């Protein structure tokens, strides 16, 4: 699960960074004040939500792979004569 979780967090961060940058760059036209801070906070919140969903998707993929491996491991073997 560590591999899928790290990949999910990396992909999530790759989504969070541009979302935050776009929100901040829109507010920079208005000036450096509370609008910029609010845009950065809302951009980070949106990016972290999307990143969290992506990380959760990778974690669920890992769980499904483990369940499939366990199902194959518990499959009964038939003795051949």
N, C-alpha and C. Protein backbone atom coordinates (compact mmCIF):
# COMPACT_ATOMS: atom_id res chain seq x y z
N UNK A 1 0.82 -1.19 0.00
CA UNK A 1 0.00 0.00 0.00
C UNK A 1 0.86 1.25 0.00
N UNK A 2 2.06 1.15 0.50
CA UNK A 2 2.92 2.33 0.55
C UNK A 2 3.23 2.86 -0.84
N UNK A 3 3.44 1.96 -1.81
CA UNK A 3 3.76 2.40 -3.16
C UNK A 3 2.57 3.13 -3.77
N UNK A 4 1.38 2.56 -3.67
CA UNK A 4 0.20 3.20 -4.24
C UNK A 4 -0.12 4.51 -3.52
N UNK A 5 0.06 4.53 -2.20
CA UNK A 5 -0.21 5.74 -1.44
C UNK A 5 0.76 6.85 -1.80
N UNK A 6 2.03 6.51 -1.95
CA UNK A 6 3.01 7.54 -2.33
C UNK A 6 2.74 8.06 -3.74
N UNK A 7 2.36 7.18 -4.65
CA UNK A 7 2.03 7.62 -6.01
C UNK A 7 0.77 8.49 -5.97
N UNK A 8 -0.21 8.11 -5.18
CA UNK A 8 -1.43 8.90 -5.06
C UNK A 8 -1.17 10.28 -4.48
N UNK A 9 -0.33 10.35 -3.47
CA UNK A 9 0.00 11.65 -2.89
C UNK A 9 0.80 12.51 -3.86
N UNK A 10 1.68 11.89 -4.63
CA UNK A 10 2.46 12.64 -5.62
C UNK A 10 1.56 13.20 -6.71
N UNK A 11 0.66 12.37 -7.21
CA UNK A 11 -0.27 12.83 -8.25
C UNK A 11 -1.20 13.89 -7.68
N UNK A 12 -1.64 13.70 -6.44
CA UNK A 12 -2.48 14.70 -5.79
C UNK A 12 -1.78 16.04 -5.63
N UNK A 13 -0.50 15.99 -5.28
CA UNK A 13 0.27 17.24 -5.15
C UNK A 13 0.46 17.90 -6.50
N UNK A 14 0.58 17.09 -7.55
CA UNK A 14 0.70 17.65 -8.89
C UNK A 14 -0.59 18.36 -9.31
N UNK A 15 -1.73 17.93 -8.79
CA UNK A 15 -2.98 18.63 -9.05
C UNK A 15 -3.13 19.85 -8.15
N UNK A 16 -2.70 19.73 -6.89
CA UNK A 16 -2.89 20.82 -5.93
C UNK A 16 -2.05 22.05 -6.29
N UNK A 17 -0.83 21.84 -6.77
CA UNK A 17 0.05 22.97 -7.08
C UNK A 17 -0.52 23.87 -8.18
N UNK A 18 -0.94 23.33 -9.33
CA UNK A 18 -1.48 24.25 -10.35
C UNK A 18 -2.80 24.90 -9.95
N UNK A 19 -3.63 24.18 -9.21
CA UNK A 19 -4.90 24.77 -8.77
C UNK A 19 -4.62 25.96 -7.86
N UNK A 20 -3.68 25.80 -6.94
CA UNK A 20 -3.32 26.89 -6.04
C UNK A 20 -2.69 28.04 -6.82
N UNK A 21 -1.82 27.73 -7.78
CA UNK A 21 -1.17 28.77 -8.55
C UNK A 21 -2.19 29.56 -9.38
N UNK A 22 -3.13 28.87 -9.99
CA UNK A 22 -4.15 29.55 -10.80
C UNK A 22 -5.00 30.46 -9.92
N UNK A 23 -5.40 29.97 -8.75
CA UNK A 23 -6.21 30.78 -7.84
C UNK A 23 -5.42 32.01 -7.38
N UNK A 24 -4.13 31.81 -7.08
CA UNK A 24 -3.30 32.93 -6.61
C UNK A 24 -3.03 33.93 -7.74
N UNK A 25 -2.79 33.43 -8.94
CA UNK A 25 -2.48 34.36 -10.04
C UNK A 25 -3.69 35.20 -10.42
N UNK A 26 -4.89 34.64 -10.29
CA UNK A 26 -6.09 35.45 -10.53
C UNK A 26 -6.22 36.56 -9.50
N UNK A 27 -5.85 36.28 -8.27
CA UNK A 27 -5.96 37.29 -7.21
C UNK A 27 -4.83 38.30 -7.26
N UNK A 28 -3.70 37.96 -7.86
CA UNK A 28 -2.58 38.90 -7.93
C UNK A 28 -2.93 40.13 -8.77
N UNK A 29 -3.84 39.98 -9.70
CA UNK A 29 -4.27 41.11 -10.51
C UNK A 29 -4.97 42.16 -9.65
N UNK A 30 -5.59 41.71 -8.57
CA UNK A 30 -6.30 42.62 -7.67
C UNK A 30 -5.36 43.29 -6.67
N UNK A 31 -4.20 42.72 -6.48
CA UNK A 31 -3.25 43.26 -5.52
C UNK A 31 -2.91 42.24 -4.45
N UNK A 32 -1.92 42.58 -3.65
CA UNK A 32 -1.47 41.68 -2.59
C UNK A 32 -2.20 42.04 -1.31
N UNK A 33 -3.23 41.32 -1.01
CA UNK A 33 -4.00 41.59 0.20
C UNK A 33 -4.77 40.36 0.62
N UNK A 34 -5.91 40.63 1.23
CA UNK A 34 -6.72 39.52 1.72
C UNK A 34 -7.28 38.66 0.59
N UNK A 35 -7.51 39.25 -0.56
CA UNK A 35 -8.02 38.47 -1.70
C UNK A 35 -7.00 37.42 -2.12
N UNK A 36 -5.73 37.78 -2.10
CA UNK A 36 -4.68 36.82 -2.46
C UNK A 36 -4.60 35.70 -1.43
N UNK A 37 -4.63 36.05 -0.17
CA UNK A 37 -4.58 35.04 0.89
C UNK A 37 -5.77 34.11 0.80
N UNK A 38 -6.95 34.68 0.60
CA UNK A 38 -8.16 33.86 0.50
C UNK A 38 -8.10 32.95 -0.72
N UNK A 39 -7.61 33.45 -1.83
CA UNK A 39 -7.50 32.63 -3.03
C UNK A 39 -6.51 31.49 -2.84
N UNK A 40 -5.40 31.78 -2.18
CA UNK A 40 -4.42 30.72 -1.92
C UNK A 40 -5.01 29.65 -1.01
N UNK A 41 -5.72 30.08 0.03
CA UNK A 41 -6.32 29.11 0.96
C UNK A 41 -7.38 28.27 0.25
N UNK A 42 -8.24 28.92 -0.53
CA UNK A 42 -9.27 28.17 -1.24
C UNK A 42 -8.66 27.28 -2.32
N UNK A 43 -7.61 27.75 -2.98
CA UNK A 43 -6.93 26.92 -3.97
C UNK A 43 -6.28 25.71 -3.34
N UNK A 44 -5.63 25.90 -2.18
CA UNK A 44 -5.04 24.76 -1.47
C UNK A 44 -6.11 23.77 -1.02
N UNK A 45 -7.23 24.30 -0.52
CA UNK A 45 -8.31 23.42 -0.07
C UNK A 45 -8.85 22.60 -1.23
N UNK A 46 -9.09 23.24 -2.36
CA UNK A 46 -9.59 22.51 -3.53
C UNK A 46 -8.56 21.50 -4.02
N UNK A 47 -7.30 21.91 -4.08
CA UNK A 47 -6.24 21.00 -4.52
C UNK A 47 -6.06 19.82 -3.59
N UNK A 48 -6.13 20.06 -2.29
CA UNK A 48 -5.99 18.96 -1.33
C UNK A 48 -7.18 18.01 -1.39
N UNK A 49 -8.36 18.54 -1.64
CA UNK A 49 -9.53 17.66 -1.79
C UNK A 49 -9.37 16.76 -3.00
N UNK A 50 -8.98 17.33 -4.12
CA UNK A 50 -8.77 16.53 -5.33
C UNK A 50 -7.61 15.55 -5.11
N UNK A 51 -6.54 16.02 -4.49
CA UNK A 51 -5.40 15.14 -4.21
C UNK A 51 -5.77 14.01 -3.26
N UNK A 52 -6.60 14.31 -2.28
CA UNK A 52 -7.06 13.26 -1.36
C UNK A 52 -7.90 12.22 -2.06
N UNK A 53 -8.75 12.66 -2.97
CA UNK A 53 -9.55 11.70 -3.73
C UNK A 53 -8.67 10.82 -4.62
N UNK A 54 -7.66 11.41 -5.20
CA UNK A 54 -6.75 10.62 -6.05
C UNK A 54 -5.97 9.63 -5.19
N UNK A 55 -5.49 10.07 -4.03
CA UNK A 55 -4.75 9.17 -3.14
C UNK A 55 -5.65 8.05 -2.64
N UNK A 56 -6.91 8.37 -2.33
CA UNK A 56 -7.86 7.34 -1.89
C UNK A 56 -8.12 6.34 -3.02
N UNK A 57 -8.17 6.82 -4.24
CA UNK A 57 -8.38 5.93 -5.38
C UNK A 57 -7.21 4.95 -5.52
N UNK A 58 -5.99 5.43 -5.36
CA UNK A 58 -4.83 4.54 -5.42
C UNK A 58 -4.83 3.56 -4.24
N UNK A 59 -5.24 4.01 -3.06
CA UNK A 59 -5.30 3.11 -1.91
C UNK A 59 -6.35 2.02 -2.11
N UNK A 60 -7.50 2.39 -2.70
CA UNK A 60 -8.53 1.39 -2.98
C UNK A 60 -8.04 0.40 -4.04
N UNK A 61 -7.27 0.87 -5.01
CA UNK A 61 -6.69 -0.02 -6.01
C UNK A 61 -5.78 -1.03 -5.35
N UNK A 62 -4.98 -0.59 -4.38
CA UNK A 62 -4.09 -1.49 -3.67
C UNK A 62 -4.88 -2.53 -2.88
N UNK A 63 -5.96 -2.11 -2.23
CA UNK A 63 -6.78 -3.06 -1.47
C UNK A 63 -7.42 -4.09 -2.38
N UNK A 64 -7.89 -3.66 -3.54
CA UNK A 64 -8.48 -4.61 -4.49
C UNK A 64 -7.44 -5.60 -4.99
N UNK A 65 -6.22 -5.15 -5.22
CA UNK A 65 -5.16 -6.06 -5.66
C UNK A 65 -4.83 -7.07 -4.58
N UNK A 66 -4.80 -6.63 -3.31
CA UNK A 66 -4.52 -7.56 -2.21
C UNK A 66 -5.64 -8.57 -2.04
N UNK A 67 -6.90 -8.13 -2.18
CA UNK A 67 -8.02 -9.06 -2.07
C UNK A 67 -7.97 -10.10 -3.18
N UNK A 68 -7.59 -9.68 -4.37
CA UNK A 68 -7.50 -10.61 -5.49
C UNK A 68 -6.36 -11.60 -5.26
N UNK A 69 -5.24 -11.14 -4.71
CA UNK A 69 -4.12 -12.04 -4.41
C UNK A 69 -4.52 -13.05 -3.35
N UNK A 70 -5.28 -12.62 -2.33
CA UNK A 70 -5.71 -13.53 -1.27
C UNK A 70 -6.71 -14.55 -1.81
N UNK A 71 -7.57 -14.12 -2.72
CA UNK A 71 -8.54 -15.04 -3.30
C UNK A 71 -7.84 -16.10 -4.13
N UNK A 72 -6.81 -15.72 -4.85
CA UNK A 72 -6.06 -16.69 -5.64
C UNK A 72 -5.27 -17.61 -4.72
N UNK A 73 -4.74 -17.10 -3.62
CA UNK A 73 -3.95 -17.90 -2.69
C UNK A 73 -4.82 -18.92 -1.97
N UNK A 74 -6.10 -18.62 -1.75
CA UNK A 74 -6.98 -19.53 -1.02
C UNK A 74 -7.75 -20.47 -1.95
N UNK A 75 -7.47 -20.41 -3.24
CA UNK A 75 -8.16 -21.28 -4.18
C UNK A 75 -7.72 -22.71 -3.93
N UNK A 76 -8.68 -23.64 -3.79
CA UNK A 76 -8.29 -25.03 -3.51
C UNK A 76 -7.60 -25.66 -4.71
N UNK A 77 -6.60 -26.46 -4.41
CA UNK A 77 -5.87 -27.18 -5.44
C UNK A 77 -6.47 -28.57 -5.58
N UNK A 78 -6.63 -29.04 -6.79
CA UNK A 78 -7.15 -30.37 -7.04
C UNK A 78 -5.95 -31.29 -7.30
N UNK A 79 -6.00 -32.44 -6.67
CA UNK A 79 -4.92 -33.41 -6.84
C UNK A 79 -5.13 -34.16 -8.16
N UNK A 80 -4.09 -34.24 -8.93
CA UNK A 80 -4.16 -34.98 -10.19
C UNK A 80 -3.58 -36.36 -9.96
N UNK A 81 -4.25 -37.38 -10.50
CA UNK A 81 -3.81 -38.76 -10.29
C UNK A 81 -2.75 -39.17 -11.26
